[in-house]
Amino acid sequence: MPTRVYYKHTRVKDTNVPYHFQCENCMKNSGDLQAHIIGSEAVYNSNFKTINDDRANKLEKEAYENLAKKVKEAYKDATEKEIYSTEFKDECPHCHKPQSWGVSGLKKKRFDTPIVIFILGIIFFFIALIAYYFTDIEYLTLPIVFGILGVAAVCSIIVFIWNTLKIKKKIKETSANGTQNTPVIDWNTVQELLSEKN
């Protein structure tokens, strides 16, 4: 019986959002900068190497909606909570010092990677547990199965500690800044994405 082949069709949309800031350290204007925002990937699995125009259009639309969602989240965080996405780079192009407003984006992402690692660990744990009870794989023992979960937990904790240390380092680096400024973001350039109804 021939093996069925699946093809993964993907689309990704991205955009640039202009911004600038006055450096809290050297007080110079950063000049025009661009935050490069990338939407999450739209995926369609098919039995065929190519897809028809209708399916391609749906994939394009989904990718556009994913980008709109990401831009709206960045906009809402910046305008309502003063949380600036890490896509808005806070290093001064003149003195290369970080800005205090850059801490907020790091704080928001602090748990993202540890949670993903732990969830993947749980998934692999259950796969290994099922394989242990329902297959005859010789090298798969119960300690190995639970070891997978343990490794995922340890990796999650290590990444969380690393993220926390990065935040503390940036807070320390920016604590000597004389003033606390915020970036000026030109959201008008992505108004079409902000107006997209999901």
Protein backbone atom coordinates (compact mmCIF):
# COMPACT_ATOMS: atom_id res chain seq x y z
CA MET A 1 0.00 0.00 0.00
CA PRO A 2 1.59 3.33 -1.05
CA THR A 3 2.36 5.91 1.62
CA ARG A 4 0.22 9.03 1.38
CA VAL A 5 2.24 12.23 1.00
CA TYR A 6 1.05 15.47 2.56
CA TYR A 7 2.19 18.89 1.41
CA LYS A 8 2.34 21.83 3.78
CA HIS A 9 1.27 25.10 2.18
CA THR A 10 2.06 28.24 4.19
CA ARG A 11 1.68 31.99 3.95
CA VAL A 12 3.13 34.70 6.19
CA LYS A 13 2.40 38.42 6.08
CA ASP A 14 4.52 41.16 7.60
CA THR A 15 4.64 44.93 7.83
CA ASN A 16 6.83 47.78 9.07
CA VAL A 17 5.68 50.35 11.60
CA PRO A 18 7.71 53.61 11.66
CA TYR A 19 8.74 55.04 15.03
CA HIS A 20 11.37 57.19 16.68
CA PHE A 21 12.38 58.14 20.19
CA GLN A 22 14.47 60.60 22.12
CA CYS A 23 17.27 58.74 23.88
CA GLU A 24 17.01 58.86 27.66
CA ASN A 25 20.79 58.72 27.92
CA CYS A 26 22.33 61.00 25.24
CA MET A 27 19.07 62.92 24.55
CA LYS A 28 19.53 62.61 20.76
CA ASN A 29 16.65 61.73 18.46
CA SER A 30 16.94 58.19 17.15
CA GLY A 31 15.85 59.21 13.67
CA ASP A 32 13.40 57.15 11.64
CA LEU A 33 13.28 53.49 12.69
CA GLN A 34 11.07 50.59 11.59
CA ALA A 35 9.49 47.92 13.76
CA HIS A 36 9.17 44.76 11.66
CA ILE A 37 6.01 42.93 12.71
CA ILE A 38 5.39 39.40 11.40
CA GLY A 39 2.02 37.67 11.70
CA SER A 40 1.77 34.02 12.66
CA GLU A 41 1.96 31.50 9.85
CA ALA A 42 -1.20 30.39 8.03
CA VAL A 43 -1.01 26.67 7.23
CA TYR A 44 -2.97 24.35 4.96
CA ASN A 45 -2.06 20.64 4.61
CA SER A 46 -3.00 19.03 1.34
CA ASN A 47 -2.51 15.83 -0.64
CA PHE A 48 -1.47 17.94 -3.60
CA LYS A 49 1.77 19.78 -4.35
CA THR A 50 -0.15 22.80 -5.63
CA ILE A 51 -3.41 24.31 -4.40
CA ASN A 52 -6.19 25.97 -6.38
CA ASP A 53 -6.76 29.73 -6.49
CA ASP A 54 -9.68 29.60 -4.04
CA ARG A 55 -7.63 27.76 -1.40
CA ALA A 56 -4.61 30.04 -2.04
CA ASN A 57 -6.83 33.11 -1.53
CA LYS A 58 -8.16 31.68 1.75
CA LEU A 59 -4.59 31.07 2.90
CA GLU A 60 -3.60 34.64 1.98
CA LYS A 61 -6.65 36.00 3.84
CA GLU A 62 -5.82 33.96 6.95
CA ALA A 63 -2.20 35.20 6.88
CA TYR A 64 -3.44 38.80 6.55
CA GLU A 65 -5.85 38.33 9.48
CA ASN A 66 -3.02 36.86 11.59
CA LEU A 67 -0.90 39.94 10.85
CA ALA A 68 -3.82 42.26 11.66
CA LYS A 69 -4.27 40.47 15.01
CA LYS A 70 -0.58 40.92 15.88
CA VAL A 71 -0.60 44.62 14.89
CA LYS A 72 -3.79 45.24 16.89
CA GLU A 73 -2.25 43.57 19.95
CA ALA A 74 0.90 45.73 19.65
CA TYR A 75 -1.26 48.85 19.19
CA LYS A 76 -3.52 48.09 22.17
CA ASP A 77 -0.55 47.28 24.42
CA ALA A 78 1.27 50.49 23.44
CA THR A 79 -1.65 52.90 23.57
CA GLU A 80 -3.58 51.49 26.54
CA LYS A 81 -0.93 49.85 28.73
CA GLU A 82 2.38 51.45 27.68
CA ILE A 83 3.77 48.00 26.86
CA TYR A 84 6.03 48.19 23.81
CA SER A 85 6.49 45.05 21.75
CA THR A 86 10.08 43.87 21.41
CA GLU A 87 9.79 44.54 17.66
CA PHE A 88 10.28 48.19 18.65
CA LYS A 89 14.03 48.09 19.25
CA ASP A 90 15.04 50.35 22.11
CA GLU A 91 18.80 50.60 21.53
CA CYS A 92 19.85 54.17 20.74
CA PRO A 93 21.58 54.27 17.33
CA HIS A 94 23.96 56.98 18.67
CA CYS A 95 25.11 55.88 22.14
CA HIS A 96 23.80 52.27 21.90
CA LYS A 97 22.15 52.46 25.35
CA PRO A 98 18.79 50.77 26.04
CA GLN A 99 15.65 52.74 26.97
CA SER A 100 13.48 52.19 30.03
CA TRP A 101 10.36 51.65 27.88
CA GLY A 102 12.00 48.54 26.38
CA VAL A 103 11.61 46.69 29.69
CA SER A 104 7.81 46.42 29.29
CA GLY A 105 8.03 44.22 26.17
CA LEU A 106 10.49 41.85 27.86
CA LYS A 107 8.22 41.57 30.90
CA LYS A 108 5.24 40.67 28.71
CA LYS A 109 7.19 37.88 26.96
CA ARG A 110 8.78 36.55 30.15
CA PHE A 111 6.49 33.49 30.39
CA ASP A 112 5.93 32.79 26.66
CA THR A 113 8.86 30.45 25.93
CA PRO A 114 8.81 28.61 29.30
CA ILE A 115 5.09 27.86 28.85
CA VAL A 116 5.62 26.58 25.28
CA ILE A 117 8.50 24.34 26.43
CA PHE A 118 6.43 22.91 29.28
CA ILE A 119 3.37 22.28 27.07
CA LEU A 120 5.56 20.48 24.51
CA GLY A 121 7.05 18.46 27.38
CA ILE A 122 3.56 17.43 28.53
CA ILE A 123 2.62 16.41 24.97
CA PHE A 124 5.79 14.30 24.59
CA PHE A 125 5.21 12.84 28.06
CA PHE A 126 1.72 11.59 27.09
CA ILE A 127 2.99 10.27 23.74
CA ALA A 128 5.77 8.38 25.55
CA LEU A 129 3.32 7.13 28.20
CA ILE A 130 0.96 5.77 25.53
CA ALA A 131 3.93 4.21 23.71
CA TYR A 132 5.12 2.63 26.98
CA TYR A 133 1.77 0.94 27.67
CA PHE A 134 0.72 0.06 24.11
CA THR A 135 3.96 -0.77 22.28
CA ASP A 136 6.93 -3.07 22.84
CA ILE A 137 9.75 -0.54 22.56
CA GLU A 138 12.56 -2.11 24.60
CA TYR A 139 14.46 1.01 25.66
CA LEU A 140 11.33 2.89 26.75
CA THR A 141 11.06 2.57 30.54
CA LEU A 142 8.85 4.38 33.04
CA PRO A 143 11.76 6.49 34.40
CA ILE A 144 12.51 7.68 30.85
CA VAL A 145 8.84 8.57 30.33
CA PHE A 146 8.75 10.65 33.54
CA GLY A 147 12.23 11.97 32.75
CA ILE A 148 10.79 13.70 29.68
CA LEU A 149 8.42 15.66 31.91
CA GLY A 150 11.23 16.44 34.34
CA VAL A 151 13.51 17.73 31.56
CA ALA A 152 10.70 19.94 30.22
CA ALA A 153 10.07 21.37 33.71
CA VAL A 154 13.78 22.06 34.29
CA CYS A 155 14.18 23.67 30.84
CA SER A 156 11.11 25.86 31.49
CA ILE A 157 12.54 27.02 34.82
CA ILE A 158 15.98 27.73 33.28
CA VAL A 159 14.44 29.80 30.45
CA PHE A 160 12.23 31.67 32.94
CA ILE A 161 15.26 32.50 35.12
CA TRP A 162 17.20 33.60 32.02
CA ASN A 163 14.33 35.88 30.96
CA THR A 164 14.11 37.33 34.48
CA LEU A 165 17.86 38.02 34.53
CA LYS A 166 17.61 39.80 31.16
CA ILE A 167 14.83 42.00 32.55
CA LYS A 168 16.83 42.80 35.71
CA LYS A 169 19.88 43.61 33.61
CA LYS A 170 17.92 46.02 31.42
CA ILE A 171 16.29 47.67 34.46
CA LYS A 172 19.76 48.18 35.95
CA GLU A 173 21.12 49.56 32.66
CA THR A 174 18.26 52.03 32.28
CA SER A 175 17.98 53.08 35.94
CA ALA A 176 20.75 55.66 35.45
CA ASN A 177 18.88 57.33 32.57
CA GLY A 178 18.01 60.89 33.46
CA THR A 179 14.51 60.91 32.02
CA GLN A 180 11.90 58.35 31.03
CA ASN A 181 10.63 58.82 27.49
CA THR A 182 8.37 56.72 25.31
CA PRO A 183 8.63 56.06 21.56
CA VAL A 184 6.56 58.02 19.05
CA ILE A 185 4.88 55.42 16.83
CA ASP A 186 3.22 56.22 13.50
CA TRP A 187 0.22 53.88 13.63
CA ASN A 188 -1.36 55.62 10.60
CA THR A 189 0.80 53.53 8.26
CA VAL A 190 -0.99 50.34 9.45
CA GLN A 191 -4.48 51.83 9.77
CA GLU A 192 -5.87 49.31 7.27
CA LEU A 193 -4.67 46.44 9.45
CA LEU A 194 -6.00 48.11 12.60
CA SER A 195 -9.39 48.51 10.91
CA GLU A 196 -9.54 44.84 9.84
CA LYS A 197 -12.56 43.08 11.36
CA ASN A 198 -11.63 39.60 12.62
